[in-house]
Amino acid sequence: MRLSATEDANRRLLRARDAIDRHFAESLDVAALARVALMSPAHFIREFKATFGEPPHRYLQRRRVERAMALLRDSAVSVTEVGLAVGFASTGTFSRTFKSVVGESPSTYRAQSRPLPAPGCFVRAWTRPSARAGAAAGSSSFGEATAATDL
């Protein structure tokens, strides 16, 4: 069975996205992710954005913020510790990124949220930050750019 060029590229991009999801708390760079996808860094960034509706760095930030939202909601760990646990190097960067993605500071989010009584997969889907910047781009091969705005 021979894959089309688009199917092959999508599978390689999915491998890179899975690597981001698995190693979100580690220091990730575009060159390493591009190697996972067997692409040059510039081509990887263009293809990732075309496929998933946002550049890889923004995707990584959203995933980190998504994990931080769960920690803030479900634990008593300090905001600083949460930011470091999900891969941000400083509290300032974490707070600024969290506010740009969620619309409120981590402390405000924690004060207004509570643990949700549902299986983890549902909670993650319900609370996933939307890809506002990527949503305008529109056409994701996987429907992510449009699906994220529906939540």
Protein backbone atom coordinates (compact mmCIF):
# COMPACT_ATOMS: atom_id res chain seq x y z
CA MET A 1 0.00 0.00 0.00
CA ARG A 2 1.53 3.27 -1.14
CA LEU A 3 0.70 6.47 0.75
CA SER A 4 0.05 9.69 -1.09
CA ALA A 5 2.49 12.54 -0.49
CA THR A 6 -0.11 14.38 1.63
CA GLU A 7 -0.82 11.30 3.78
CA ASP A 8 2.88 10.73 4.31
CA ALA A 9 3.50 14.36 5.29
CA ASN A 10 0.49 14.32 7.64
CA ARG A 11 1.76 11.16 9.37
CA ARG A 12 5.19 12.72 9.86
CA LEU A 13 3.59 15.91 11.21
CA LEU A 14 1.45 13.83 13.57
CA ARG A 15 4.62 12.17 14.88
CA ALA A 16 6.09 15.60 15.60
CA ARG A 17 2.88 16.77 17.26
CA ASP A 18 2.85 13.61 19.38
CA ALA A 19 6.44 14.39 20.41
CA ILE A 20 5.30 17.85 21.53
CA ASP A 21 2.43 16.31 23.50
CA ARG A 22 4.73 13.76 25.18
CA HIS A 23 7.60 16.13 25.97
CA PHE A 24 5.73 19.43 26.51
CA ALA A 25 7.54 20.17 29.79
CA GLU A 26 10.99 19.78 28.23
CA SER A 27 12.94 22.31 26.23
CA LEU A 28 11.87 21.68 22.63
CA ASP A 29 13.28 23.34 19.55
CA VAL A 30 11.98 23.49 16.01
CA ALA A 31 15.06 21.78 14.56
CA ALA A 32 14.53 18.67 16.72
CA LEU A 33 10.81 18.54 15.89
CA ALA A 34 11.58 19.01 12.20
CA ARG A 35 13.93 16.01 12.38
CA VAL A 36 11.08 13.92 13.84
CA ALA A 37 8.94 14.97 10.86
CA LEU A 38 11.84 14.43 8.41
CA MET A 39 11.59 18.03 7.15
CA SER A 40 13.75 21.12 7.14
CA PRO A 41 12.90 23.52 10.00
CA ALA A 42 11.39 26.20 7.72
CA HIS A 43 9.32 23.67 5.77
CA PHE A 44 8.23 22.02 9.03
CA ILE A 45 6.91 25.33 10.43
CA ARG A 46 4.97 26.07 7.21
CA GLU A 47 3.51 22.56 6.97
CA PHE A 48 2.66 22.36 10.68
CA LYS A 49 0.77 25.66 10.49
CA ALA A 50 -1.03 24.64 7.29
CA THR A 51 -2.02 21.28 8.79
CA PHE A 52 -2.89 22.19 12.39
CA GLY A 53 -3.87 25.85 12.02
CA GLU A 54 -1.07 27.32 14.17
CA PRO A 55 2.74 27.28 14.28
CA PRO A 56 4.48 24.62 16.39
CA HIS A 57 5.60 27.09 19.07
CA ARG A 58 2.05 28.34 19.62
CA TYR A 59 0.78 24.75 19.73
CA LEU A 60 3.40 23.94 22.39
CA GLN A 61 2.37 27.01 24.41
CA ARG A 62 -1.30 26.00 24.28
CA ARG A 63 -0.48 22.46 25.39
CA ARG A 64 1.60 23.78 28.28
CA VAL A 65 -1.18 26.14 29.31
CA GLU A 66 -3.72 23.31 29.04
CA ARG A 67 -1.64 21.20 31.47
CA ALA A 68 -1.20 24.22 33.73
CA MET A 69 -4.97 24.76 33.81
CA ALA A 70 -5.43 21.21 35.10
CA LEU A 71 -2.75 21.66 37.78
CA LEU A 72 -4.22 24.98 38.89
CA ARG A 73 -7.70 23.51 39.01
CA ASP A 74 -6.85 20.21 40.70
CA SER A 75 -3.91 20.91 43.05
CA ALA A 76 -2.65 23.35 45.63
CA VAL A 77 0.76 23.74 43.99
CA SER A 78 1.91 27.37 43.74
CA VAL A 79 1.55 29.25 40.45
CA THR A 80 5.34 29.44 40.16
CA GLU A 81 5.70 25.67 40.61
CA VAL A 82 2.93 25.04 38.06
CA GLY A 83 4.70 27.22 35.48
CA LEU A 84 7.99 25.43 36.00
CA ALA A 85 6.33 21.99 35.97
CA VAL A 86 4.80 22.57 32.54
CA GLY A 87 8.01 23.85 30.96
CA PHE A 88 8.11 27.63 31.33
CA ALA A 89 11.48 29.06 32.38
CA SER A 90 10.06 31.96 34.39
CA THR A 91 6.90 32.93 36.23
CA GLY A 92 6.61 36.11 34.16
CA THR A 93 6.65 34.23 30.86
CA PHE A 94 4.20 31.67 32.22
CA SER A 95 1.76 34.34 33.48
CA ARG A 96 1.97 36.40 30.29
CA THR A 97 1.45 33.35 28.05
CA PHE A 98 -1.33 31.96 30.26
CA LYS A 99 -3.18 35.28 30.14
CA SER A 100 -2.80 35.61 26.36
CA VAL A 101 -4.20 32.08 25.81
CA VAL A 102 -6.87 31.86 28.54
CA GLY A 103 -7.79 35.53 28.91
CA GLU A 104 -7.09 35.76 32.65
CA SER A 105 -4.11 35.35 34.96
CA PRO A 106 -3.26 31.97 36.47
CA SER A 107 -4.23 33.22 39.95
CA THR A 108 -7.61 34.46 38.73
CA TYR A 109 -8.21 31.20 36.87
CA ARG A 110 -7.43 29.20 40.00
CA ALA A 111 -9.73 31.32 42.15
CA GLN A 112 -12.65 30.91 39.73
CA SER A 113 -12.22 27.21 38.89
CA ARG A 114 -12.80 23.95 40.70
CA PRO A 115 -12.15 20.29 39.91
CA LEU A 116 -14.59 18.98 37.32
CA PRO A 117 -16.43 15.72 38.11
CA ALA A 118 -15.82 13.95 34.80
CA PRO A 119 -13.27 11.60 33.24
CA GLY A 120 -9.97 13.28 32.40
CA CYS A 121 -10.44 13.01 28.63
CA PHE A 122 -13.71 14.98 28.82
CA VAL A 123 -12.24 17.59 31.14
CA ARG A 124 -9.30 18.13 28.77
CA ALA A 125 -11.63 18.54 25.78
CA TRP A 126 -13.99 20.90 27.64
CA THR A 127 -11.21 23.09 29.02
CA ARG A 128 -8.82 23.09 26.06
CA PRO A 129 -7.76 26.66 25.21
CA SER A 130 -8.87 27.67 21.74
CA ALA A 131 -6.45 28.45 18.94
CA ARG A 132 -7.68 32.00 18.39
CA ALA A 133 -4.80 32.98 16.11
CA GLY A 134 -4.94 29.70 14.18
CA ALA A 135 -8.74 29.75 13.88
CA ALA A 136 -8.59 32.66 11.46
CA ALA A 137 -6.28 30.67 9.20
CA GLY A 138 -9.05 28.20 8.63
CA SER A 139 -8.20 25.03 6.78
CA SER A 140 -6.71 22.35 8.97
CA SER A 141 -6.38 18.90 7.43
CA PHE A 142 -7.41 17.48 10.80
CA GLY A 143 -10.19 19.96 11.60
CA GLU A 144 -8.35 21.30 14.65
CA ALA A 145 -8.37 24.97 13.79
CA THR A 146 -12.13 25.01 13.40
CA ALA A 147 -12.91 22.46 16.13
CA ALA A 148 -10.96 24.42 18.76
CA THR A 149 -13.24 27.42 18.30
CA ASP A 150 -16.36 25.31 18.79
CA LEU A 151 -15.54 24.48 22.44
